[in-house]
Amino acid sequence: MVTNKSNRCKEEKHLRIDEIGPWSEIKLEIIQKYAKAYSTILNRQELYHVYIDAFAGAGVNVSRVTGQFVLGSPLNALMVEPHFRHHYFIDLDSQKANSLRRIVGNRTDVTIDEGDCNMFLKEKVFPNVRYEDYKRALCLFDPYGLHLH
């Protein structure tokens, strides 16, 4: 057990938490408000709706202006009322995905994958969110660079 804790501490030391500027903080607030409105509308229509973040990150950021922690889009999505039925979070960086796993815990309404979002979306996520099955999704694509196919 000490080994697991030791490995986790080593991993956390190497995790680079992203610093974000004012524009990113505003963007996160806009996404949060949009997600709430989207979830409210689809919940009223009794549609199964999910949240997808293809570049989820570690779950938290640090404000360049204040130095304070800022919740990332995945954690904001988890707090939306009414709740999304499921959340899919994907990140290419395994350390960020593992950080998000630790924060989220054992929630059954969350799937976290690490790797290329192009593959996970096509093979694992989109087949589970089909229009003909009355399922809808709010998909967030906010990459650092152009990684979409």
C-alpha atoms as a PDB file:
ATOM      1  CA  MET A   1       0.000   0.000   0.000  1.00  0.00           C
ATOM      2  CA  VAL A   2       2.887   2.354   0.726  1.00  0.00           C
ATOM      3  CA  THR A   3       4.148   1.719  -2.808  1.00  0.00           C
ATOM      4  CA  ASN A   4       0.853   2.881  -4.336  1.00  0.00           C
ATOM      5  CA  LYS A   5       0.857   6.039  -2.258  1.00  0.00           C
ATOM      6  CA  SER A   6       4.500   6.655  -3.106  1.00  0.00           C
ATOM      7  CA  ASN A   7       3.853   6.173  -6.832  1.00  0.00           C
ATOM      8  CA  ARG A   8       0.856   8.494  -6.669  1.00  0.00           C
ATOM      9  CA  CYS A   9       2.928  11.200  -4.958  1.00  0.00           C
ATOM     10  CA  LYS A  10       5.629  10.877  -7.611  1.00  0.00           C
ATOM     11  CA  GLU A  11       3.028  11.132 -10.361  1.00  0.00           C
ATOM     12  CA  GLU A  12       1.399  14.191  -8.784  1.00  0.00           C
ATOM     13  CA  LYS A  13       4.787  15.938  -8.540  1.00  0.00           C
ATOM     14  CA  HIS A  14       5.158  15.631 -12.302  1.00  0.00           C
ATOM     15  CA  LEU A  15       1.611  16.725 -13.130  1.00  0.00           C
ATOM     16  CA  ARG A  16       1.670  20.151 -14.695  1.00  0.00           C
ATOM     17  CA  ILE A  17      -1.503  22.023 -13.812  1.00  0.00           C
ATOM     18  CA  ASP A  18      -2.347  24.407 -16.606  1.00  0.00           C
ATOM     19  CA  GLU A  19      -2.244  28.129 -15.950  1.00  0.00           C
ATOM     20  CA  ILE A  20      -5.066  29.967 -17.639  1.00  0.00           C
ATOM     21  CA  GLY A  21      -5.582  33.612 -18.447  1.00  0.00           C
ATOM     22  CA  PRO A  22      -8.669  35.800 -18.123  1.00  0.00           C
ATOM     23  CA  TRP A  23     -10.045  34.741 -21.511  1.00  0.00           C
ATOM     24  CA  SER A  24     -10.002  31.064 -20.495  1.00  0.00           C
ATOM     25  CA  GLU A  25     -11.756  31.863 -17.218  1.00  0.00           C
ATOM     26  CA  ILE A  26     -14.482  33.698 -19.133  1.00  0.00           C
ATOM     27  CA  LYS A  27     -14.716  30.801 -21.607  1.00  0.00           C
ATOM     28  CA  LEU A  28     -15.181  28.306 -18.742  1.00  0.00           C
ATOM     29  CA  GLU A  29     -17.971  30.453 -17.311  1.00  0.00           C
ATOM     30  CA  ILE A  30     -19.702  30.623 -20.715  1.00  0.00           C
ATOM     31  CA  ILE A  31     -19.417  26.836 -21.143  1.00  0.00           C
ATOM     32  CA  GLN A  32     -20.858  26.299 -17.658  1.00  0.00           C
ATOM     33  CA  LYS A  33     -23.865  28.530 -18.362  1.00  0.00           C
ATOM     34  CA  TYR A  34     -24.443  26.950 -21.772  1.00  0.00           C
ATOM     35  CA  ALA A  35     -24.219  23.434 -20.300  1.00  0.00           C
ATOM     36  CA  LYS A  36     -26.821  24.320 -17.653  1.00  0.00           C
ATOM     37  CA  ALA A  37     -29.208  25.715 -20.265  1.00  0.00           C
ATOM     38  CA  TYR A  38     -28.645  22.731 -22.576  1.00  0.00           C
ATOM     39  CA  SER A  39     -29.224  20.222 -19.792  1.00  0.00           C
ATOM     40  CA  THR A  40     -32.327  22.041 -18.594  1.00  0.00           C
ATOM     41  CA  ILE A  41     -33.889  22.059 -22.069  1.00  0.00           C
ATOM     42  CA  LEU A  42     -33.104  18.416 -22.831  1.00  0.00           C
ATOM     43  CA  ASN A  43     -34.209  17.279 -19.387  1.00  0.00           C
ATOM     44  CA  ARG A  44     -37.627  18.890 -19.980  1.00  0.00           C
ATOM     45  CA  GLN A  45     -37.903  16.978 -23.249  1.00  0.00           C
ATOM     46  CA  GLU A  46     -36.969  13.799 -21.371  1.00  0.00           C
ATOM     47  CA  LEU A  47     -34.094  13.081 -23.734  1.00  0.00           C
ATOM     48  CA  TYR A  48     -31.097  11.083 -22.543  1.00  0.00           C
ATOM     49  CA  HIS A  49     -28.322  13.643 -22.746  1.00  0.00           C
ATOM     50  CA  VAL A  50     -24.612  13.379 -22.112  1.00  0.00           C
ATOM     51  CA  TYR A  51     -21.635  15.682 -21.798  1.00  0.00           C
ATOM     52  CA  ILE A  52     -18.489  14.966 -23.818  1.00  0.00           C
ATOM     53  CA  ASP A  53     -15.170  16.737 -23.246  1.00  0.00           C
ATOM     54  CA  ALA A  54     -12.578  15.527 -25.737  1.00  0.00           C
ATOM     55  CA  PHE A  55      -9.694  17.497 -24.174  1.00  0.00           C
ATOM     56  CA  ALA A  56     -10.725  17.293 -20.527  1.00  0.00           C
ATOM     57  CA  GLY A  57      -7.434  18.023 -18.792  1.00  0.00           C
ATOM     58  CA  ALA A  58      -6.706  17.450 -15.105  1.00  0.00           C
ATOM     59  CA  GLY A  59     -10.003  18.898 -13.839  1.00  0.00           C
ATOM     60  CA  VAL A  60      -8.488  22.028 -12.337  1.00  0.00           C
ATOM     61  CA  ASN A  61      -6.418  24.947 -13.560  1.00  0.00           C
ATOM     62  CA  VAL A  62      -4.587  27.831 -11.936  1.00  0.00           C
ATOM     63  CA  SER A  63      -5.537  31.418 -12.693  1.00  0.00           C
ATOM     64  CA  ARG A  64      -2.628  33.395 -14.067  1.00  0.00           C
ATOM     65  CA  VAL A  65      -4.177  36.535 -12.588  1.00  0.00           C
ATOM     66  CA  THR A  66      -5.043  35.432  -9.045  1.00  0.00           C
ATOM     67  CA  GLY A  67      -2.995  32.247  -8.576  1.00  0.00           C
ATOM     68  CA  GLN A  68      -6.177  30.543  -7.327  1.00  0.00           C
ATOM     69  CA  PHE A  69      -7.455  27.173  -8.496  1.00  0.00           C
ATOM     70  CA  VAL A  70     -10.148  27.344 -11.178  1.00  0.00           C
ATOM     71  CA  LEU A  71     -12.423  24.371 -11.834  1.00  0.00           C
ATOM     72  CA  GLY A  72     -12.014  22.995 -15.325  1.00  0.00           C
ATOM     73  CA  SER A  73     -14.846  22.200 -17.701  1.00  0.00           C
ATOM     74  CA  PRO A  74     -15.237  18.557 -16.542  1.00  0.00           C
ATOM     75  CA  LEU A  75     -15.822  19.497 -12.910  1.00  0.00           C
ATOM     76  CA  ASN A  76     -18.146  22.318 -13.911  1.00  0.00           C
ATOM     77  CA  ALA A  77     -20.137  19.837 -16.025  1.00  0.00           C
ATOM     78  CA  LEU A  78     -20.443  17.440 -13.097  1.00  0.00           C
ATOM     79  CA  MET A  79     -22.102  20.189 -11.039  1.00  0.00           C
ATOM     80  CA  VAL A  80     -24.681  21.170 -13.666  1.00  0.00           C
ATOM     81  CA  GLU A  81     -28.289  20.894 -12.487  1.00  0.00           C
ATOM     82  CA  PRO A  82     -30.218  19.111 -13.828  1.00  0.00           C
ATOM     83  CA  HIS A  83     -27.491  16.527 -14.253  1.00  0.00           C
ATOM     84  CA  PHE A  84     -26.328  15.112 -17.536  1.00  0.00           C
ATOM     85  CA  ARG A  85     -27.067  11.381 -17.643  1.00  0.00           C
ATOM     86  CA  HIS A  86     -23.462  10.514 -18.408  1.00  0.00           C
ATOM     87  CA  HIS A  87     -20.127  12.308 -18.798  1.00  0.00           C
ATOM     88  CA  TYR A  88     -17.351  11.252 -21.159  1.00  0.00           C
ATOM     89  CA  PHE A  89     -13.958  12.811 -20.469  1.00  0.00           C
ATOM     90  CA  ILE A  90     -10.973  12.147 -22.714  1.00  0.00           C
ATOM     91  CA  ASP A  91      -7.430  13.424 -22.516  1.00  0.00           C
ATOM     92  CA  LEU A  92      -4.274  12.479 -24.367  1.00  0.00           C
ATOM     93  CA  ASP A  93      -2.139  13.044 -21.261  1.00  0.00           C
ATOM     94  CA  SER A  94      -2.335  10.035 -18.918  1.00  0.00           C
ATOM     95  CA  GLN A  95      -1.289  12.103 -15.881  1.00  0.00           C
ATOM     96  CA  LYS A  96      -4.138  14.555 -16.462  1.00  0.00           C
ATOM     97  CA  ALA A  97      -6.607  11.701 -16.977  1.00  0.00           C
ATOM     98  CA  ASN A  98      -5.416  10.068 -13.748  1.00  0.00           C
ATOM     99  CA  SER A  99      -5.740  13.354 -11.871  1.00  0.00           C
ATOM    100  CA  LEU A 100      -9.310  13.660 -13.111  1.00  0.00           C
ATOM    101  CA  ARG A 101     -10.011  10.060 -12.044  1.00  0.00           C
ATOM    102  CA  ARG A 102      -8.813  10.808  -8.515  1.00  0.00           C
ATOM    103  CA  ILE A 103     -10.979  13.919  -8.300  1.00  0.00           C
ATOM    104  CA  VAL A 104     -14.100  12.279  -9.769  1.00  0.00           C
ATOM    105  CA  GLY A 105     -13.825   9.081  -7.734  1.00  0.00           C
ATOM    106  CA  ASN A 106     -16.104   6.120  -8.416  1.00  0.00           C
ATOM    107  CA  ARG A 107     -19.015   7.896 -10.058  1.00  0.00           C
ATOM    108  CA  THR A 108     -20.937   5.527 -12.294  1.00  0.00           C
ATOM    109  CA  ASP A 109     -22.058   8.367 -14.559  1.00  0.00           C
ATOM    110  CA  VAL A 110     -18.490   9.184 -15.650  1.00  0.00           C
ATOM    111  CA  THR A 111     -16.222   7.511 -18.188  1.00  0.00           C
ATOM    112  CA  ILE A 112     -12.635   8.760 -18.377  1.00  0.00           C
ATOM    113  CA  ASP A 113     -10.405   7.613 -21.216  1.00  0.00           C
ATOM    114  CA  GLU A 114      -6.825   8.521 -21.944  1.00  0.00           C
ATOM    115  CA  GLY A 115      -5.521   8.636 -25.457  1.00  0.00           C
ATOM    116  CA  ASP A 116      -6.444   9.994 -28.855  1.00  0.00           C
ATOM    117  CA  CYS A 117      -9.939  11.486 -28.707  1.00  0.00           C
ATOM    118  CA  ASN A 118     -10.403  10.850 -32.426  1.00  0.00           C
ATOM    119  CA  MET A 119     -10.365   7.102 -31.778  1.00  0.00           C
ATOM    120  CA  PHE A 120     -12.363   7.140 -28.529  1.00  0.00           C
ATOM    121  CA  LEU A 121     -15.098   9.358 -29.951  1.00  0.00           C
ATOM    122  CA  LYS A 122     -15.508   7.283 -33.081  1.00  0.00           C
ATOM    123  CA  GLU A 123     -15.269   3.841 -31.497  1.00  0.00           C
ATOM    124  CA  LYS A 124     -16.570   4.199 -27.919  1.00  0.00           C
ATOM    125  CA  VAL A 125     -18.556   7.384 -27.404  1.00  0.00           C
ATOM    126  CA  PHE A 126     -20.542   8.254 -30.514  1.00  0.00           C
ATOM    127  CA  PRO A 127     -21.943   4.692 -30.956  1.00  0.00           C
ATOM    128  CA  ASN A 128     -23.529   5.139 -27.495  1.00  0.00           C
ATOM    129  CA  VAL A 129     -25.085   8.513 -28.294  1.00  0.00           C
ATOM    130  CA  ARG A 130     -27.175   7.902 -31.367  1.00  0.00           C
ATOM    131  CA  TYR A 131     -29.879  10.267 -32.587  1.00  0.00           C
ATOM    132  CA  GLU A 132     -32.216   7.386 -33.462  1.00  0.00           C
ATOM    133  CA  ASP A 133     -31.980   6.208 -29.835  1.00  0.00           C
ATOM    134  CA  TYR A 134     -33.182   9.646 -28.645  1.00  0.00           C
ATOM    135  CA  LYS A 135     -29.804  10.444 -27.149  1.00  0.00           C
ATOM    136  CA  ARG A 136     -28.137  13.829 -27.437  1.00  0.00           C
ATOM    137  CA  ALA A 137     -24.758  15.209 -26.453  1.00  0.00           C
ATOM    138  CA  LEU A 138     -23.079  18.470 -25.682  1.00  0.00           C
ATOM    139  CA  CYS A 139     -19.578  17.999 -27.101  1.00  0.00           C
ATOM    140  CA  LEU A 140     -16.729  20.242 -26.060  1.00  0.00           C
ATOM    141  CA  PHE A 141     -13.656  20.369 -28.296  1.00  0.00           C
ATOM    142  CA  ASP A 142     -11.109  22.800 -26.894  1.00  0.00           C
ATOM    143  CA  PRO A 143      -7.665  21.522 -27.912  1.00  0.00           C
ATOM    144  CA  TYR A 144      -4.310  23.164 -27.341  1.00  0.00           C
ATOM    145  CA  GLY A 145      -3.495  22.527 -30.990  1.00  0.00           C
ATOM    146  CA  LEU A 146      -5.256  21.035 -33.961  1.00  0.00           C
ATOM    147  CA  HIS A 147      -5.616  17.323 -33.204  1.00  0.00           C
ATOM    148  CA  LEU A 148      -8.978  16.628 -34.813  1.00  0.00           C
ATOM    149  CA  HIS A 149      -9.543  14.458 -37.856  1.00  0.00           C
END
